[in-house]
Amino acid sequence: MDEDTYDMLCVMLDLKGLEVPDRSESGSREENRKEKEEKKDMCRAFEILIQRSREEGRREGELNGEKRGEERGRKRGEERLGSLITCLLSDGRIDEAASAARDAGERSRLYQEYSL
């Protein structure tokens, strides 16, 4: 990969500190060393890119998992309250059903009473 392309990739990917070594020296050994260094730099650039992609994927996965968990929790809570209200109405405890809808403490007590 030529120096300009490499520099452009580093800028686009916000990869600081991965500069191409100075190309002004000459000689086949020095050129080989530089080529190896450039390859190492490119490997490091791709490692950084892969790591950033993984981190971004992990963050997205966590957010999606939280949303799914919230939805499941909300659904279960609604089902549980529905079951409680149904039990209370079946037992003719209408006033307590209304109280359970308003008061979390009363609702909790009734959940225990009905083993819900």
N, C-alpha and C. Protein backbone atom coordinates (compact mmCIF):
# COMPACT_ATOMS: atom_id res chain seq x y z
N MET A 1 0.86 -1.16 0.00
CA MET A 1 0.00 0.00 0.00
C MET A 1 0.90 1.22 0.00
N ASP A 2 0.60 2.20 -0.83
CA ASP A 2 1.47 3.36 -0.87
C ASP A 2 1.21 4.28 0.33
N GLU A 3 2.15 5.16 0.55
CA GLU A 3 2.13 6.02 1.74
C GLU A 3 0.88 6.90 1.79
N ASP A 4 0.50 7.47 0.65
CA ASP A 4 -0.68 8.34 0.63
C ASP A 4 -1.95 7.59 1.00
N THR A 5 -2.11 6.38 0.46
CA THR A 5 -3.28 5.56 0.79
C THR A 5 -3.29 5.23 2.27
N TYR A 6 -2.13 4.85 2.78
CA TYR A 6 -2.02 4.52 4.20
C TYR A 6 -2.39 5.72 5.07
N ASP A 7 -1.83 6.88 4.73
CA ASP A 7 -2.12 8.10 5.49
C ASP A 7 -3.60 8.43 5.45
N MET A 8 -4.22 8.25 4.28
CA MET A 8 -5.64 8.53 4.16
C MET A 8 -6.45 7.59 5.05
N LEU A 9 -6.09 6.31 5.06
CA LEU A 9 -6.77 5.34 5.93
C LEU A 9 -6.63 5.73 7.40
N CYS A 10 -5.43 6.13 7.79
CA CYS A 10 -5.21 6.53 9.18
C CYS A 10 -6.07 7.72 9.56
N VAL A 11 -6.19 8.68 8.67
CA VAL A 11 -7.02 9.86 8.93
C VAL A 11 -8.49 9.47 8.99
N MET A 12 -8.94 8.67 8.02
CA MET A 12 -10.35 8.29 7.97
C MET A 12 -10.75 7.44 9.17
N LEU A 13 -9.84 6.59 9.63
CA LEU A 13 -10.14 5.69 10.75
C LEU A 13 -9.72 6.28 12.09
N ASP A 14 -9.22 7.51 12.06
CA ASP A 14 -8.78 8.21 13.27
C ASP A 14 -7.74 7.39 14.01
N LEU A 15 -6.77 6.87 13.27
CA LEU A 15 -5.71 6.05 13.85
C LEU A 15 -4.46 6.91 13.99
N LYS A 16 -4.30 7.51 15.14
CA LYS A 16 -3.16 8.38 15.39
C LYS A 16 -1.96 7.54 15.83
N GLY A 17 -0.78 8.01 15.53
CA GLY A 17 0.42 7.34 15.98
C GLY A 17 0.88 6.21 15.10
N LEU A 18 0.27 6.03 13.96
CA LEU A 18 0.70 4.95 13.06
C LEU A 18 1.28 5.55 11.78
N GLU A 19 2.27 6.39 11.95
CA GLU A 19 2.84 7.06 10.80
C GLU A 19 3.75 6.13 10.01
N VAL A 20 3.85 6.41 8.73
CA VAL A 20 4.75 5.66 7.86
C VAL A 20 6.17 6.13 8.15
N PRO A 21 7.10 5.19 8.32
CA PRO A 21 8.49 5.59 8.57
C PRO A 21 9.05 6.45 7.43
N ASP A 22 10.06 7.24 7.74
CA ASP A 22 10.69 8.13 6.75
C ASP A 22 11.25 7.30 5.60
N ARG A 23 10.90 7.68 4.37
CA ARG A 23 11.30 6.91 3.20
C ARG A 23 12.55 7.49 2.51
N SER A 24 13.19 8.47 3.13
CA SER A 24 14.31 9.13 2.46
C SER A 24 15.57 8.26 2.43
N GLU A 25 15.74 7.31 3.38
CA GLU A 25 16.92 6.45 3.38
C GLU A 25 16.85 5.47 2.21
N SER A 26 17.98 5.00 1.76
CA SER A 26 17.96 4.06 0.65
C SER A 26 18.75 2.81 1.02
N GLY A 27 18.72 1.82 0.15
CA GLY A 27 19.41 0.56 0.39
C GLY A 27 18.40 -0.55 0.54
N SER A 28 18.75 -1.72 0.04
CA SER A 28 17.79 -2.81 0.02
C SER A 28 17.45 -3.30 1.43
N ARG A 29 18.43 -3.37 2.33
CA ARG A 29 18.14 -3.79 3.71
C ARG A 29 17.19 -2.80 4.38
N GLU A 30 17.49 -1.55 4.19
CA GLU A 30 16.66 -0.51 4.81
C GLU A 30 15.25 -0.53 4.21
N GLU A 31 15.17 -0.75 2.92
CA GLU A 31 13.84 -0.82 2.28
C GLU A 31 13.06 -2.02 2.80
N ASN A 32 13.72 -3.16 2.97
CA ASN A 32 13.06 -4.35 3.52
C ASN A 32 12.58 -4.09 4.94
N ARG A 33 13.43 -3.44 5.74
CA ARG A 33 13.05 -3.12 7.11
C ARG A 33 11.82 -2.20 7.12
N LYS A 34 11.84 -1.24 6.23
CA LYS A 34 10.71 -0.30 6.16
C LYS A 34 9.43 -1.01 5.73
N GLU A 35 9.58 -1.91 4.77
CA GLU A 35 8.41 -2.67 4.32
C GLU A 35 7.82 -3.48 5.46
N LYS A 36 8.69 -4.12 6.23
CA LYS A 36 8.22 -4.90 7.37
C LYS A 36 7.53 -4.01 8.39
N GLU A 37 8.11 -2.85 8.63
CA GLU A 37 7.51 -1.91 9.58
C GLU A 37 6.15 -1.44 9.08
N GLU A 38 6.06 -1.16 7.79
CA GLU A 38 4.78 -0.73 7.22
C GLU A 38 3.72 -1.83 7.38
N LYS A 39 4.13 -3.08 7.14
CA LYS A 39 3.20 -4.19 7.30
C LYS A 39 2.75 -4.31 8.75
N LYS A 40 3.69 -4.13 9.68
CA LYS A 40 3.34 -4.17 11.09
C LYS A 40 2.36 -3.04 11.42
N ASP A 41 2.63 -1.85 10.87
CA ASP A 41 1.74 -0.72 11.10
C ASP A 41 0.35 -1.00 10.56
N MET A 42 0.27 -1.60 9.38
CA MET A 42 -1.04 -1.91 8.79
C MET A 42 -1.75 -2.98 9.61
N CYS A 43 -1.01 -3.97 10.06
CA CYS A 43 -1.62 -5.00 10.92
C CYS A 43 -2.15 -4.36 12.18
N ARG A 44 -1.38 -3.48 12.76
CA ARG A 44 -1.82 -2.78 13.98
C ARG A 44 -3.05 -1.93 13.68
N ALA A 45 -3.07 -1.27 12.54
CA ALA A 45 -4.23 -0.45 12.17
C ALA A 45 -5.48 -1.32 12.06
N PHE A 46 -5.35 -2.47 11.44
CA PHE A 46 -6.50 -3.37 11.31
C PHE A 46 -6.90 -3.96 12.66
N GLU A 47 -5.93 -4.24 13.52
CA GLU A 47 -6.27 -4.73 14.86
C GLU A 47 -7.08 -3.68 15.62
N ILE A 48 -6.67 -2.44 15.51
CA ILE A 48 -7.39 -1.35 16.18
C ILE A 48 -8.80 -1.23 15.60
N LEU A 49 -8.91 -1.30 14.29
CA LEU A 49 -10.22 -1.21 13.63
C LEU A 49 -11.12 -2.36 14.08
N ILE A 50 -10.58 -3.56 14.13
CA ILE A 50 -11.36 -4.73 14.57
C ILE A 50 -11.80 -4.56 16.02
N GLN A 51 -10.89 -4.10 16.87
CA GLN A 51 -11.22 -3.90 18.28
C GLN A 51 -12.33 -2.86 18.44
N ARG A 52 -12.22 -1.77 17.71
CA ARG A 52 -13.26 -0.74 17.78
C ARG A 52 -14.61 -1.28 17.31
N SER A 53 -14.58 -2.08 16.26
CA SER A 53 -15.82 -2.67 15.75
C SER A 53 -16.43 -3.61 16.78
N ARG A 54 -15.60 -4.38 17.43
CA ARG A 54 -16.10 -5.29 18.47
C ARG A 54 -16.73 -4.50 19.62
N GLU A 55 -16.05 -3.45 20.04
CA GLU A 55 -16.57 -2.64 21.14
C GLU A 55 -17.91 -2.00 20.77
N GLU A 56 -17.99 -1.51 19.55
CA GLU A 56 -19.25 -0.92 19.09
C GLU A 56 -20.36 -1.99 19.03
N GLY A 57 -20.03 -3.17 18.54
CA GLY A 57 -21.00 -4.26 18.49
C GLY A 57 -21.44 -4.68 19.88
N ARG A 58 -20.51 -4.70 20.81
CA ARG A 58 -20.84 -5.06 22.20
C ARG A 58 -21.80 -4.03 22.79
N ARG A 59 -21.52 -2.75 22.57
CA ARG A 59 -22.40 -1.68 23.08
C ARG A 59 -23.80 -1.80 22.48
N GLU A 60 -23.87 -2.03 21.18
CA GLU A 60 -25.17 -2.19 20.53
C GLU A 60 -25.91 -3.40 21.07
N GLY A 61 -25.18 -4.49 21.28
CA GLY A 61 -25.79 -5.71 21.83
C GLY A 61 -26.33 -5.48 23.23
N GLU A 62 -25.58 -4.76 24.04
CA GLU A 62 -26.04 -4.47 25.40
C GLU A 62 -27.31 -3.62 25.37
N LEU A 63 -27.33 -2.62 24.52
CA LEU A 63 -28.52 -1.77 24.41
C LEU A 63 -29.73 -2.57 23.95
N ASN A 64 -29.53 -3.41 22.95
CA ASN A 64 -30.63 -4.25 22.47
C ASN A 64 -31.11 -5.22 23.55
N GLY A 65 -30.18 -5.78 24.29
CA GLY A 65 -30.52 -6.69 25.38
C GLY A 65 -31.30 -5.98 26.47
N GLU A 66 -30.90 -4.76 26.79
CA GLU A 66 -31.63 -3.99 27.80
C GLU A 66 -33.05 -3.72 27.35
N LYS A 67 -33.20 -3.34 26.10
CA LYS A 67 -34.55 -3.06 25.58
C LYS A 67 -35.43 -4.30 25.64
N ARG A 68 -34.88 -5.44 25.21
CA ARG A 68 -35.65 -6.69 25.26
C ARG A 68 -36.01 -7.06 26.69
N GLY A 69 -35.07 -6.87 27.60
CA GLY A 69 -35.32 -7.17 29.00
C GLY A 69 -36.40 -6.29 29.59
N GLU A 70 -36.36 -5.01 29.23
CA GLU A 70 -37.39 -4.10 29.72
C GLU A 70 -38.76 -4.50 29.18
N GLU A 71 -38.81 -4.84 27.90
CA GLU A 71 -40.09 -5.26 27.30
C GLU A 71 -40.62 -6.52 27.98
N ARG A 72 -39.76 -7.49 28.22
CA ARG A 72 -40.18 -8.73 28.88
C ARG A 72 -40.67 -8.45 30.30
N GLY A 73 -39.92 -7.61 31.01
CA GLY A 73 -40.29 -7.27 32.38
C GLY A 73 -41.63 -6.56 32.44
N ARG A 74 -41.84 -5.65 31.51
CA ARG A 74 -43.11 -4.92 31.45
C ARG A 74 -44.26 -5.89 31.17
N LYS A 75 -44.05 -6.79 30.24
CA LYS A 75 -45.09 -7.76 29.89
C LYS A 75 -45.41 -8.66 31.08
N ARG A 76 -44.37 -9.17 31.75
CA ARG A 76 -44.58 -10.04 32.91
C ARG A 76 -45.30 -9.30 34.04
N GLY A 77 -44.92 -8.03 34.24
CA GLY A 77 -45.57 -7.24 35.26
C GLY A 77 -47.04 -7.03 34.98
N GLU A 78 -47.36 -6.76 33.71
CA GLU A 78 -48.76 -6.59 33.33
C GLU A 78 -49.54 -7.89 33.53
N GLU A 79 -48.92 -9.01 33.15
CA GLU A 79 -49.57 -10.31 33.33
C GLU A 79 -49.80 -10.62 34.81
N ARG A 80 -48.81 -10.29 35.61
CA ARG A 80 -48.92 -10.55 37.05
C ARG A 80 -50.03 -9.70 37.67
N LEU A 81 -50.07 -8.42 37.31
CA LEU A 81 -51.13 -7.55 37.83
C LEU A 81 -52.50 -8.02 37.35
N GLY A 82 -52.57 -8.43 36.10
CA GLY A 82 -53.82 -8.95 35.56
C GLY A 82 -54.30 -10.16 36.33
N SER A 83 -53.36 -11.06 36.65
CA SER A 83 -53.71 -12.25 37.43
C SER A 83 -54.21 -11.86 38.82
N LEU A 84 -53.55 -10.90 39.43
CA LEU A 84 -53.96 -10.46 40.76
C LEU A 84 -55.37 -9.86 40.73
N ILE A 85 -55.60 -8.98 39.79
CA ILE A 85 -56.92 -8.34 39.68
C ILE A 85 -57.99 -9.41 39.43
N THR A 86 -57.70 -10.36 38.56
CA THR A 86 -58.65 -11.44 38.27
C THR A 86 -58.97 -12.23 39.55
N CYS A 87 -57.94 -12.57 40.33
CA CYS A 87 -58.16 -13.31 41.58
C CYS A 87 -59.00 -12.49 42.57
N LEU A 88 -58.66 -11.21 42.70
CA LEU A 88 -59.40 -10.36 43.63
C LEU A 88 -60.86 -10.22 43.22
N LEU A 89 -61.09 -10.02 41.93
CA LEU A 89 -62.47 -9.89 41.46
C LEU A 89 -63.24 -11.20 41.64
N SER A 90 -62.56 -12.32 41.38
CA SER A 90 -63.21 -13.63 41.57
C SER A 90 -63.62 -13.84 43.02
N ASP A 91 -62.82 -13.28 43.94
CA ASP A 91 -63.12 -13.42 45.36
C ASP A 91 -64.02 -12.30 45.89
N GLY A 92 -64.47 -11.42 44.98
CA GLY A 92 -65.35 -10.32 45.38
C GLY A 92 -64.65 -9.23 46.16
N ARG A 93 -63.36 -9.12 46.00
CA ARG A 93 -62.58 -8.12 46.75
C ARG A 93 -62.32 -6.91 45.85
N ILE A 94 -63.36 -6.26 45.43
CA ILE A 94 -63.30 -5.17 44.46
C ILE A 94 -62.52 -3.98 45.01
N ASP A 95 -62.76 -3.61 46.26
CA ASP A 95 -62.06 -2.46 46.84
C ASP A 95 -60.55 -2.72 46.90
N GLU A 96 -60.17 -3.94 47.22
CA GLU A 96 -58.74 -4.28 47.27
C GLU A 96 -58.12 -4.30 45.87
N ALA A 97 -58.90 -4.65 44.87
CA ALA A 97 -58.40 -4.61 43.49
C ALA A 97 -58.07 -3.17 43.11
N ALA A 98 -58.96 -2.25 43.47
CA ALA A 98 -58.71 -0.83 43.19
C ALA A 98 -57.50 -0.34 43.96
N SER A 99 -57.38 -0.77 45.22
CA SER A 99 -56.24 -0.37 46.05
C SER A 99 -54.93 -0.92 45.48
N ALA A 100 -54.96 -2.17 45.01
CA ALA A 100 -53.77 -2.79 44.44
C ALA A 100 -53.30 -2.05 43.19
N ALA A 101 -54.25 -1.51 42.45
CA ALA A 101 -53.90 -0.78 41.24
C ALA A 101 -53.18 0.53 41.57
N ARG A 102 -53.46 1.11 42.74
CA ARG A 102 -52.88 2.41 43.12
C ARG A 102 -51.66 2.31 44.03
N ASP A 103 -51.61 1.29 44.88
CA ASP A 103 -50.64 1.24 45.97
C ASP A 103 -49.69 0.03 45.80
N ALA A 104 -48.43 0.32 45.58
CA ALA A 104 -47.44 -0.74 45.37
C ALA A 104 -47.28 -1.64 46.60
N GLY A 105 -47.35 -1.05 47.78
CA GLY A 105 -47.23 -1.85 48.99
C GLY A 105 -48.38 -2.83 49.15
N GLU A 106 -49.59 -2.35 48.89
CA GLU A 106 -50.77 -3.22 48.96
C GLU A 106 -50.68 -4.30 47.88
N ARG A 107 -50.23 -3.90 46.70
CA ARG A 107 -50.09 -4.85 45.60
C ARG A 107 -49.10 -5.95 45.98
N SER A 108 -47.98 -5.57 46.59
CA SER A 108 -46.97 -6.54 47.00
C SER A 108 -47.53 -7.51 48.04
N ARG A 109 -48.27 -6.99 48.99
CA ARG A 109 -48.88 -7.84 50.01
C ARG A 109 -49.83 -8.85 49.38
N LEU A 110 -50.62 -8.38 48.42
CA LEU A 110 -51.60 -9.25 47.76
C LEU A 110 -50.92 -10.29 46.86
N TYR A 111 -49.81 -9.90 46.22
CA TYR A 111 -49.04 -10.86 45.42
C TYR A 111 -48.61 -12.02 46.32
N GLN A 112 -48.12 -11.71 47.51
CA GLN A 112 -47.70 -12.75 48.45
C GLN A 112 -48.89 -13.61 48.89
N GLU A 113 -49.97 -12.93 49.19
CA GLU A 113 -51.16 -13.66 49.64
C GLU A 113 -51.63 -14.68 48.60
N TYR A 114 -51.61 -14.27 47.33
CA TYR A 114 -52.08 -15.13 46.25
C TYR A 114 -50.94 -15.95 45.60
N SER A 115 -49.75 -15.83 46.18
CA SER A 115 -48.56 -16.54 45.65
C SER A 115 -48.33 -16.25 44.18
N LEU A 116 -48.40 -14.98 43.83
CA LEU A 116 -48.18 -14.57 42.44
C LEU A 116 -46.81 -13.92 42.28
